[in-house]
N, C-alpha and C. Protein backbone atom coordinates (compact mmCIF):
# COMPACT_ATOMS: atom_id res chain seq x y z
N MET A 1 24.40 2.27 -4.35
CA MET A 1 23.22 1.60 -3.85
C MET A 1 22.60 2.44 -2.74
N ALA A 2 21.26 2.56 -2.76
CA ALA A 2 20.55 3.37 -1.77
C ALA A 2 20.64 2.73 -0.39
N ARG A 3 20.79 3.56 0.62
CA ARG A 3 20.82 3.07 2.00
C ARG A 3 19.43 2.67 2.42
N SER A 4 19.36 1.64 3.24
CA SER A 4 18.08 1.13 3.72
C SER A 4 17.88 1.48 5.18
N GLU A 5 16.64 1.44 5.60
CA GLU A 5 16.30 1.77 6.97
C GLU A 5 15.19 0.84 7.45
N ALA A 6 15.31 0.35 8.68
CA ALA A 6 14.29 -0.54 9.25
C ALA A 6 13.15 0.29 9.83
N VAL A 7 11.95 -0.19 9.60
CA VAL A 7 10.75 0.41 10.17
C VAL A 7 10.05 -0.68 10.98
N GLN A 8 9.81 -0.40 12.26
CA GLN A 8 9.12 -1.35 13.13
C GLN A 8 7.62 -1.07 13.07
N LEU A 9 6.86 -2.10 12.80
CA LEU A 9 5.41 -1.96 12.69
C LEU A 9 4.73 -2.72 13.82
N THR A 10 3.67 -2.15 14.36
CA THR A 10 2.76 -2.89 15.21
C THR A 10 1.58 -3.23 14.31
N ILE A 11 1.28 -4.53 14.22
CA ILE A 11 0.26 -4.99 13.28
C ILE A 11 -0.81 -5.80 14.00
N GLN A 12 -1.95 -5.90 13.34
CA GLN A 12 -3.07 -6.66 13.88
C GLN A 12 -3.80 -7.32 12.72
N PRO A 13 -4.20 -8.59 12.84
CA PRO A 13 -4.92 -9.25 11.74
C PRO A 13 -6.23 -8.52 11.44
N ALA A 14 -6.55 -8.42 10.16
CA ALA A 14 -7.80 -7.77 9.73
C ALA A 14 -8.24 -8.42 8.42
N GLU A 15 -9.43 -8.04 7.96
CA GLU A 15 -9.95 -8.53 6.68
C GLU A 15 -10.59 -7.37 5.94
N HIS A 16 -10.42 -7.38 4.63
CA HIS A 16 -11.06 -6.40 3.76
C HIS A 16 -12.07 -7.15 2.89
N TRP A 17 -13.32 -6.71 2.91
CA TRP A 17 -14.40 -7.42 2.23
C TRP A 17 -14.62 -6.89 0.83
N ASN A 18 -15.04 -7.78 -0.06
CA ASN A 18 -15.48 -7.40 -1.39
C ASN A 18 -16.96 -7.05 -1.28
N PHE A 19 -17.33 -5.89 -1.74
CA PHE A 19 -18.70 -5.41 -1.65
C PHE A 19 -19.66 -6.37 -2.36
N GLY A 20 -20.63 -6.90 -1.61
CA GLY A 20 -21.66 -7.73 -2.20
C GLY A 20 -21.22 -9.14 -2.55
N LYS A 21 -20.00 -9.51 -2.24
CA LYS A 21 -19.52 -10.87 -2.53
C LYS A 21 -18.93 -11.45 -1.26
N GLU A 22 -18.67 -12.73 -1.28
CA GLU A 22 -18.14 -13.41 -0.10
C GLU A 22 -16.62 -13.43 -0.04
N PHE A 23 -15.94 -12.79 -0.98
CA PHE A 23 -14.48 -12.83 -1.03
C PHE A 23 -13.89 -11.75 -0.12
N LYS A 24 -12.88 -12.10 0.64
CA LYS A 24 -12.22 -11.13 1.52
C LYS A 24 -10.72 -11.32 1.47
N ILE A 25 -10.01 -10.25 1.76
CA ILE A 25 -8.54 -10.28 1.80
C ILE A 25 -8.10 -10.26 3.26
N PRO A 26 -7.39 -11.28 3.70
CA PRO A 26 -6.76 -11.16 5.02
C PRO A 26 -5.53 -10.26 4.89
N TYR A 27 -5.34 -9.39 5.84
CA TYR A 27 -4.17 -8.51 5.79
C TYR A 27 -3.73 -8.15 7.20
N GLN A 28 -2.58 -7.52 7.29
CA GLN A 28 -2.04 -7.06 8.55
C GLN A 28 -2.29 -5.56 8.64
N LYS A 29 -3.21 -5.17 9.49
CA LYS A 29 -3.50 -3.75 9.70
C LYS A 29 -2.34 -3.14 10.49
N ILE A 30 -1.83 -2.02 10.00
CA ILE A 30 -0.74 -1.33 10.68
C ILE A 30 -1.35 -0.35 11.68
N VAL A 31 -1.09 -0.59 12.97
CA VAL A 31 -1.65 0.29 14.00
C VAL A 31 -0.62 1.29 14.52
N SER A 32 0.66 1.08 14.22
CA SER A 32 1.67 2.10 14.49
C SER A 32 2.95 1.73 13.76
N LEU A 33 3.80 2.72 13.55
CA LEU A 33 5.12 2.46 13.00
C LEU A 33 6.13 3.28 13.76
N ARG A 34 7.33 2.72 13.85
CA ARG A 34 8.42 3.37 14.56
C ARG A 34 9.68 3.33 13.72
N VAL A 35 10.35 4.45 13.71
CA VAL A 35 11.67 4.55 13.09
C VAL A 35 12.57 5.05 14.21
N GLY A 36 13.54 4.25 14.58
CA GLY A 36 14.34 4.59 15.76
C GLY A 36 13.44 4.53 16.98
N LYS A 37 13.44 5.59 17.77
CA LYS A 37 12.60 5.62 18.97
C LYS A 37 11.32 6.41 18.76
N GLU A 38 11.14 6.98 17.57
CA GLU A 38 9.98 7.82 17.30
C GLU A 38 8.80 6.98 16.81
N GLU A 39 7.68 7.04 17.55
CA GLU A 39 6.47 6.35 17.12
C GLU A 39 5.62 7.31 16.31
N ILE A 40 5.17 6.82 15.18
CA ILE A 40 4.36 7.61 14.26
C ILE A 40 3.10 6.82 13.98
N PHE A 41 2.01 7.52 13.79
CA PHE A 41 0.77 6.90 13.33
C PHE A 41 0.17 5.95 14.36
N PRO A 42 0.14 6.31 15.65
CA PRO A 42 -0.53 5.41 16.60
C PRO A 42 -2.03 5.40 16.33
N GLN A 43 -2.59 4.22 16.13
CA GLN A 43 -4.01 4.06 15.84
C GLN A 43 -4.67 3.26 16.96
N GLU A 44 -6.01 3.31 16.98
CA GLU A 44 -6.75 2.49 17.92
C GLU A 44 -6.51 1.02 17.60
N VAL A 45 -6.32 0.24 18.63
CA VAL A 45 -6.11 -1.20 18.46
C VAL A 45 -7.45 -1.89 18.70
N ASP A 46 -7.85 -2.73 17.75
CA ASP A 46 -9.08 -3.50 17.89
C ASP A 46 -8.85 -4.64 18.86
N ASP A 47 -9.94 -5.28 19.31
CA ASP A 47 -9.79 -6.48 20.12
C ASP A 47 -9.08 -7.54 19.29
N GLY A 48 -8.23 -8.29 19.90
CA GLY A 48 -7.52 -9.34 19.18
C GLY A 48 -6.03 -9.20 19.34
N PRO A 49 -5.29 -10.16 18.79
CA PRO A 49 -3.84 -10.17 18.96
C PRO A 49 -3.15 -9.03 18.23
N VAL A 50 -2.03 -8.60 18.80
CA VAL A 50 -1.18 -7.57 18.22
C VAL A 50 0.23 -8.14 18.20
N SER A 51 0.96 -7.87 17.12
CA SER A 51 2.34 -8.34 17.05
C SER A 51 3.22 -7.28 16.41
N GLU A 52 4.50 -7.55 16.38
CA GLU A 52 5.48 -6.63 15.81
C GLU A 52 6.02 -7.23 14.52
N ARG A 53 6.36 -6.35 13.58
CA ARG A 53 6.96 -6.77 12.32
C ARG A 53 7.93 -5.69 11.87
N GLU A 54 9.05 -6.11 11.31
CA GLU A 54 10.01 -5.16 10.78
C GLU A 54 9.99 -5.24 9.26
N ILE A 55 9.98 -4.07 8.62
CA ILE A 55 10.16 -4.00 7.18
C ILE A 55 11.39 -3.13 6.92
N VAL A 56 12.05 -3.36 5.81
CA VAL A 56 13.24 -2.58 5.45
C VAL A 56 12.97 -1.92 4.12
N LEU A 57 13.09 -0.61 4.11
CA LEU A 57 12.85 0.20 2.91
C LEU A 57 14.05 1.10 2.65
N PRO A 58 14.20 1.56 1.40
CA PRO A 58 15.20 2.60 1.16
C PRO A 58 14.89 3.81 2.04
N GLN A 59 15.92 4.53 2.47
CA GLN A 59 15.70 5.68 3.36
C GLN A 59 14.71 6.68 2.78
N SER A 60 14.77 6.92 1.47
CA SER A 60 13.83 7.88 0.87
C SER A 60 12.39 7.37 1.00
N SER A 61 12.19 6.06 0.89
CA SER A 61 10.84 5.49 1.04
C SER A 61 10.38 5.55 2.49
N THR A 62 11.31 5.36 3.43
CA THR A 62 10.96 5.47 4.84
C THR A 62 10.48 6.89 5.15
N ALA A 63 11.19 7.90 4.67
CA ALA A 63 10.78 9.29 4.89
C ALA A 63 9.40 9.55 4.29
N ARG A 64 9.14 9.00 3.13
CA ARG A 64 7.83 9.20 2.48
C ARG A 64 6.73 8.43 3.19
N LEU A 65 7.05 7.26 3.75
CA LEU A 65 6.07 6.51 4.53
C LEU A 65 5.67 7.30 5.77
N ILE A 66 6.64 7.93 6.41
CA ILE A 66 6.35 8.78 7.57
C ILE A 66 5.46 9.94 7.16
N LEU A 67 5.77 10.58 6.02
CA LEU A 67 4.94 11.67 5.52
C LEU A 67 3.51 11.19 5.25
N ALA A 68 3.36 10.05 4.61
CA ALA A 68 2.03 9.51 4.31
C ALA A 68 1.27 9.21 5.60
N ALA A 69 1.93 8.60 6.57
CA ALA A 69 1.28 8.28 7.84
C ALA A 69 0.85 9.55 8.56
N THR A 70 1.69 10.57 8.52
CA THR A 70 1.36 11.85 9.16
C THR A 70 0.15 12.49 8.47
N GLU A 71 0.12 12.46 7.15
CA GLU A 71 -1.02 13.03 6.42
C GLU A 71 -2.30 12.26 6.74
N MET A 72 -2.22 10.93 6.81
CA MET A 72 -3.40 10.13 7.15
C MET A 72 -3.87 10.45 8.55
N GLN A 73 -2.93 10.56 9.46
CA GLN A 73 -3.27 10.83 10.86
C GLN A 73 -3.93 12.20 11.01
N ASN A 74 -3.59 13.13 10.15
CA ASN A 74 -4.19 14.46 10.19
C ASN A 74 -5.52 14.51 9.47
N SER A 75 -6.10 13.33 9.22
CA SER A 75 -7.43 13.18 8.63
C SER A 75 -7.56 13.73 7.23
N ARG A 76 -6.50 13.77 6.49
CA ARG A 76 -6.58 14.18 5.10
C ARG A 76 -7.16 13.04 4.30
N ARG A 77 -7.85 13.33 3.22
CA ARG A 77 -8.38 12.27 2.35
C ARG A 77 -7.19 11.51 1.76
N PHE A 78 -7.25 10.21 1.88
CA PHE A 78 -6.13 9.40 1.44
C PHE A 78 -6.67 8.10 0.88
N ASN A 79 -6.26 7.75 -0.32
CA ASN A 79 -6.58 6.44 -0.87
C ASN A 79 -5.29 5.79 -1.35
N CYS A 80 -5.40 4.63 -1.97
CA CYS A 80 -4.21 3.89 -2.40
C CYS A 80 -3.39 4.68 -3.42
N HIS A 81 -4.06 5.42 -4.32
CA HIS A 81 -3.34 6.15 -5.37
C HIS A 81 -2.59 7.35 -4.78
N ARG A 82 -3.21 8.04 -3.84
CA ARG A 82 -2.53 9.15 -3.20
C ARG A 82 -1.33 8.64 -2.39
N PHE A 83 -1.49 7.49 -1.75
CA PHE A 83 -0.38 6.88 -1.03
C PHE A 83 0.77 6.59 -1.99
N ALA A 84 0.49 6.01 -3.15
CA ALA A 84 1.53 5.72 -4.13
C ALA A 84 2.22 7.00 -4.60
N ARG A 85 1.44 8.05 -4.84
CA ARG A 85 2.04 9.33 -5.25
C ARG A 85 2.96 9.88 -4.17
N THR A 86 2.53 9.78 -2.92
CA THR A 86 3.38 10.25 -1.82
C THR A 86 4.65 9.42 -1.74
N MET A 87 4.52 8.11 -1.90
CA MET A 87 5.68 7.22 -1.83
C MET A 87 6.62 7.43 -3.02
N ALA A 88 6.10 7.95 -4.13
CA ALA A 88 6.94 8.23 -5.30
C ALA A 88 7.60 9.61 -5.20
N GLY A 89 7.23 10.38 -4.17
CA GLY A 89 7.83 11.69 -4.00
C GLY A 89 7.14 12.80 -4.74
N GLU A 90 5.92 12.57 -5.18
CA GLU A 90 5.16 13.62 -5.88
C GLU A 90 4.46 14.50 -4.84
N HIS A 91 4.99 15.68 -4.65
CA HIS A 91 4.41 16.63 -3.70
C HIS A 91 4.32 17.99 -4.35
N ASP A 92 3.28 18.72 -4.02
CA ASP A 92 3.20 20.09 -4.50
C ASP A 92 3.84 21.02 -3.47
N ILE A 93 3.70 22.32 -3.66
CA ILE A 93 4.38 23.27 -2.77
C ILE A 93 3.88 23.21 -1.33
N PHE A 94 2.71 22.61 -1.11
CA PHE A 94 2.18 22.50 0.25
C PHE A 94 2.62 21.21 0.92
N GLY A 95 3.38 20.36 0.22
CA GLY A 95 3.90 19.14 0.82
C GLY A 95 2.99 17.93 0.68
N TYR A 96 1.94 18.02 -0.12
CA TYR A 96 1.08 16.85 -0.34
C TYR A 96 0.53 16.93 -1.75
N TYR A 97 0.05 15.83 -2.22
CA TYR A 97 -0.50 15.77 -3.57
C TYR A 97 -1.99 15.55 -3.45
N GLU A 98 -2.78 16.46 -3.97
CA GLU A 98 -4.22 16.44 -3.77
C GLU A 98 -4.96 15.36 -4.54
N THR A 99 -4.49 14.98 -5.70
CA THR A 99 -5.28 14.06 -6.51
C THR A 99 -5.38 12.68 -5.89
N LEU A 100 -6.52 12.07 -6.08
CA LEU A 100 -6.76 10.71 -5.62
C LEU A 100 -6.72 9.74 -6.80
N ALA A 101 -6.30 10.21 -7.98
CA ALA A 101 -6.27 9.40 -9.19
C ALA A 101 -4.97 8.60 -9.29
N PRO A 102 -4.97 7.51 -10.06
CA PRO A 102 -3.75 6.72 -10.24
C PRO A 102 -2.62 7.56 -10.85
N MET A 103 -1.39 7.11 -10.64
CA MET A 103 -0.22 7.80 -11.16
C MET A 103 -0.12 7.70 -12.68
N SER A 104 -0.70 6.65 -13.26
CA SER A 104 -0.58 6.44 -14.69
C SER A 104 -1.81 5.73 -15.21
N ASP A 105 -2.20 6.04 -16.43
CA ASP A 105 -3.26 5.27 -17.08
C ASP A 105 -2.65 4.38 -18.17
N ASP A 106 -1.33 4.33 -18.20
CA ASP A 106 -0.58 3.55 -19.19
C ASP A 106 -0.30 2.15 -18.64
N PHE A 107 -1.32 1.49 -18.15
CA PHE A 107 -1.16 0.22 -17.45
C PHE A 107 -0.58 -0.88 -18.34
N CYS A 108 -1.11 -1.04 -19.52
CA CYS A 108 -0.73 -2.18 -20.38
C CYS A 108 0.71 -2.14 -20.86
N ASN A 109 1.32 -0.96 -20.88
CA ASN A 109 2.70 -0.85 -21.35
C ASN A 109 3.74 -0.95 -20.23
N ARG A 110 3.31 -1.20 -19.02
CA ARG A 110 4.22 -1.35 -17.89
C ARG A 110 4.59 -2.82 -17.71
N PRO A 111 5.78 -3.11 -17.16
CA PRO A 111 6.17 -4.51 -17.00
C PRO A 111 5.34 -5.23 -15.93
N ARG A 112 4.87 -6.43 -16.27
CA ARG A 112 4.14 -7.27 -15.33
C ARG A 112 5.14 -7.89 -14.36
N VAL A 113 4.80 -7.93 -13.08
CA VAL A 113 5.70 -8.48 -12.05
C VAL A 113 4.92 -9.38 -11.10
N GLY A 114 5.65 -10.16 -10.32
CA GLY A 114 5.05 -10.96 -9.25
C GLY A 114 5.19 -10.25 -7.92
N ASN A 115 6.41 -9.78 -7.64
CA ASN A 115 6.71 -9.01 -6.43
C ASN A 115 7.41 -7.73 -6.85
N LEU A 116 7.43 -6.78 -5.95
CA LEU A 116 8.05 -5.48 -6.22
C LEU A 116 9.26 -5.27 -5.32
N PRO A 117 10.30 -4.63 -5.83
CA PRO A 117 11.42 -4.26 -4.95
C PRO A 117 10.94 -3.37 -3.81
N ALA A 118 11.67 -3.35 -2.72
CA ALA A 118 11.31 -2.51 -1.58
C ALA A 118 11.20 -1.05 -2.00
N GLY A 119 10.05 -0.45 -1.73
CA GLY A 119 9.80 0.95 -2.05
C GLY A 119 9.29 1.20 -3.46
N ALA A 120 9.27 0.19 -4.32
CA ALA A 120 8.81 0.38 -5.70
C ALA A 120 7.28 0.45 -5.75
N ILE A 121 6.78 1.28 -6.65
CA ILE A 121 5.34 1.47 -6.80
C ILE A 121 4.79 0.43 -7.78
N GLY A 122 3.66 -0.17 -7.42
CA GLY A 122 2.99 -1.12 -8.29
C GLY A 122 1.56 -0.70 -8.55
N MET A 123 1.02 -1.23 -9.64
CA MET A 123 -0.36 -0.93 -10.02
C MET A 123 -1.07 -2.25 -10.30
N VAL A 124 -2.30 -2.38 -9.82
CA VAL A 124 -3.14 -3.53 -10.12
C VAL A 124 -4.18 -3.06 -11.11
N GLY A 125 -4.36 -3.82 -12.19
CA GLY A 125 -5.35 -3.42 -13.17
C GLY A 125 -5.49 -4.43 -14.27
N ALA A 126 -6.25 -4.03 -15.29
CA ALA A 126 -6.50 -4.88 -16.46
C ALA A 126 -6.71 -3.99 -17.67
N ALA A 127 -6.51 -4.57 -18.83
CA ALA A 127 -6.64 -3.81 -20.08
C ALA A 127 -8.01 -3.13 -20.18
N GLY A 128 -9.06 -3.81 -19.82
CA GLY A 128 -10.39 -3.23 -19.95
C GLY A 128 -10.80 -2.29 -18.84
N PHE A 129 -10.05 -2.29 -17.75
CA PHE A 129 -10.41 -1.50 -16.57
C PHE A 129 -9.41 -0.40 -16.26
N GLY A 130 -8.16 -0.53 -16.70
CA GLY A 130 -7.12 0.42 -16.34
C GLY A 130 -6.59 0.13 -14.95
N VAL A 131 -6.04 1.14 -14.30
CA VAL A 131 -5.45 0.99 -12.96
C VAL A 131 -6.57 1.07 -11.93
N MET A 132 -6.66 0.03 -11.10
CA MET A 132 -7.69 -0.01 -10.06
C MET A 132 -7.13 0.18 -8.66
N HIS A 133 -5.85 -0.13 -8.48
CA HIS A 133 -5.26 -0.10 -7.13
C HIS A 133 -3.78 0.16 -7.26
N SER A 134 -3.23 0.87 -6.29
CA SER A 134 -1.79 1.15 -6.22
C SER A 134 -1.25 0.62 -4.90
N LEU A 135 -0.01 0.17 -4.92
CA LEU A 135 0.62 -0.38 -3.72
C LEU A 135 2.12 -0.19 -3.79
N VAL A 136 2.82 -0.52 -2.70
CA VAL A 136 4.26 -0.30 -2.61
C VAL A 136 4.93 -1.60 -2.15
N GLY A 137 5.94 -2.03 -2.91
CA GLY A 137 6.62 -3.29 -2.64
C GLY A 137 7.43 -3.30 -1.37
N LEU A 138 7.58 -4.51 -0.82
CA LEU A 138 8.40 -4.72 0.38
C LEU A 138 9.69 -5.45 0.06
N GLY A 139 9.87 -5.90 -1.18
CA GLY A 139 11.10 -6.59 -1.57
C GLY A 139 10.81 -7.63 -2.63
N GLU A 140 11.78 -7.82 -3.51
CA GLU A 140 11.59 -8.76 -4.63
C GLU A 140 11.36 -10.19 -4.16
N ASN A 141 11.80 -10.54 -2.97
CA ASN A 141 11.59 -11.88 -2.44
C ASN A 141 10.45 -11.94 -1.43
N ILE A 142 9.70 -10.85 -1.33
CA ILE A 142 8.59 -10.79 -0.37
C ILE A 142 7.29 -10.64 -1.18
N PRO A 143 6.39 -11.63 -1.10
CA PRO A 143 5.17 -11.61 -1.92
C PRO A 143 4.05 -10.75 -1.34
N GLU A 144 4.41 -9.67 -0.66
CA GLU A 144 3.44 -8.78 -0.03
C GLU A 144 3.78 -7.34 -0.38
N SER A 145 2.80 -6.47 -0.18
CA SER A 145 3.01 -5.04 -0.39
C SER A 145 2.29 -4.26 0.69
N ILE A 146 2.76 -3.04 0.94
CA ILE A 146 2.09 -2.13 1.86
C ILE A 146 1.16 -1.25 1.02
N GLN A 147 -0.03 -0.99 1.55
CA GLN A 147 -1.04 -0.29 0.77
C GLN A 147 -2.10 0.30 1.67
N VAL A 148 -2.93 1.15 1.09
CA VAL A 148 -4.11 1.65 1.78
C VAL A 148 -5.23 0.67 1.46
N MET A 149 -5.81 0.10 2.49
CA MET A 149 -6.78 -0.98 2.33
C MET A 149 -8.22 -0.52 2.19
N SER A 150 -8.49 0.77 2.39
CA SER A 150 -9.87 1.25 2.28
C SER A 150 -9.87 2.73 1.96
N GLY A 151 -11.03 3.24 1.59
CA GLY A 151 -11.18 4.66 1.33
C GLY A 151 -11.03 5.51 2.57
N GLN A 152 -11.03 4.87 3.74
CA GLN A 152 -10.84 5.60 5.00
C GLN A 152 -9.37 5.74 5.35
N GLY A 153 -8.48 5.29 4.49
CA GLY A 153 -7.04 5.47 4.71
C GLY A 153 -6.47 4.56 5.76
N GLU A 154 -6.75 3.26 5.68
CA GLU A 154 -6.20 2.32 6.63
C GLU A 154 -5.01 1.61 6.01
N PHE A 155 -3.82 1.76 6.63
CA PHE A 155 -2.62 1.10 6.14
C PHE A 155 -2.70 -0.40 6.42
N GLY A 156 -2.19 -1.18 5.48
CA GLY A 156 -2.11 -2.61 5.71
C GLY A 156 -1.05 -3.25 4.83
N ILE A 157 -0.70 -4.47 5.17
CA ILE A 157 0.19 -5.30 4.36
C ILE A 157 -0.61 -6.53 3.96
N ALA A 158 -0.68 -6.77 2.66
CA ALA A 158 -1.42 -7.92 2.15
C ALA A 158 -0.57 -8.66 1.12
N LYS A 159 -0.87 -9.94 0.95
CA LYS A 159 -0.19 -10.73 -0.07
C LYS A 159 -0.63 -10.24 -1.45
N ASN A 160 0.33 -10.10 -2.34
CA ASN A 160 0.02 -9.61 -3.69
C ASN A 160 -1.01 -10.49 -4.39
N GLU A 161 -0.88 -11.79 -4.27
CA GLU A 161 -1.82 -12.69 -4.95
C GLU A 161 -3.23 -12.55 -4.38
N ASP A 162 -3.36 -12.31 -3.07
CA ASP A 162 -4.68 -12.10 -2.48
C ASP A 162 -5.33 -10.83 -3.02
N VAL A 163 -4.53 -9.78 -3.19
CA VAL A 163 -5.05 -8.52 -3.74
C VAL A 163 -5.51 -8.73 -5.18
N LEU A 164 -4.69 -9.42 -5.97
CA LEU A 164 -5.07 -9.71 -7.36
C LEU A 164 -6.36 -10.53 -7.41
N ASP A 165 -6.47 -11.55 -6.57
CA ASP A 165 -7.68 -12.38 -6.55
C ASP A 165 -8.90 -11.57 -6.15
N TRP A 166 -8.73 -10.63 -5.22
CA TRP A 166 -9.84 -9.78 -4.79
C TRP A 166 -10.36 -8.95 -5.96
N TYR A 167 -9.44 -8.34 -6.72
CA TYR A 167 -9.85 -7.56 -7.89
C TYR A 167 -10.41 -8.44 -8.99
N ARG A 168 -9.89 -9.66 -9.13
CA ARG A 168 -10.47 -10.60 -10.10
C ARG A 168 -11.91 -10.91 -9.72
N SER A 169 -12.21 -11.03 -8.44
CA SER A 169 -13.57 -11.33 -7.99
C SER A 169 -14.51 -10.16 -8.24
N ILE A 170 -14.02 -8.94 -8.10
CA ILE A 170 -14.85 -7.76 -8.36
C ILE A 170 -15.17 -7.64 -9.84
N CYS A 171 -14.14 -7.77 -10.66
CA CYS A 171 -14.28 -7.54 -12.09
C CYS A 171 -14.74 -8.77 -12.85
N GLU A 172 -14.73 -9.92 -12.17
CA GLU A 172 -15.05 -11.19 -12.82
C GLU A 172 -14.21 -11.34 -14.08
N ASP A 173 -12.90 -11.08 -13.90
CA ASP A 173 -11.94 -11.10 -15.00
C ASP A 173 -10.65 -11.72 -14.49
N ASP A 174 -10.16 -12.74 -15.17
CA ASP A 174 -8.92 -13.39 -14.75
C ASP A 174 -7.68 -12.66 -15.24
N GLU A 175 -7.83 -11.66 -16.08
CA GLU A 175 -6.70 -10.95 -16.67
C GLU A 175 -6.33 -9.70 -15.87
N ILE A 176 -6.27 -9.84 -14.55
CA ILE A 176 -5.88 -8.76 -13.64
C ILE A 176 -4.43 -9.03 -13.24
N TYR A 177 -3.58 -8.01 -13.38
CA TYR A 177 -2.15 -8.21 -13.13
C TYR A 177 -1.57 -7.11 -12.25
N LEU A 178 -0.41 -7.41 -11.67
CA LEU A 178 0.39 -6.43 -10.95
C LEU A 178 1.48 -5.99 -11.91
N ARG A 179 1.60 -4.70 -12.10
CA ARG A 179 2.63 -4.14 -12.97
C ARG A 179 3.41 -3.08 -12.20
N ARG A 180 4.66 -2.93 -12.54
CA ARG A 180 5.52 -1.93 -11.89
C ARG A 180 5.36 -0.60 -12.58
N TYR A 181 5.23 0.44 -11.76
CA TYR A 181 5.13 1.80 -12.30
C TYR A 181 6.48 2.25 -12.82
């Protein structure tokens, strides 16, 4: 069994809006993360409450989360799919993966899930649309995932069902599912 490691997060409530619609996703914006005594990814804190949260990931996922946060902090282009690729360990010789495309276009043949194991990669999509969003599970008993919430590379934790509903509102399609990569 893989060893796990605790990651301390500083979080702040935020919302992600659906373009042109009134639907929004409430989520926890990650403004910093700490492993041991090392703080990584310190971000500007908006006005409003700030709290602490601990997540537990396999050690390999923790190392990849640190890599992803470092790449984001260095202003590299980062979206949800690139985050998933980094979390899956896909790196080229320069230590990062340039593509911003989903890891797979084989969406319909992947198993549909409700929650994802800690560190597991998930895809949100539909038969007619393919993969629209990638995220990383926090645990089979935790109905949330860590993900990039915008094209500007903002880390957040959102409820899986809220993310699915957001994509259903965009596509006006009820057949949007979370599947495991």
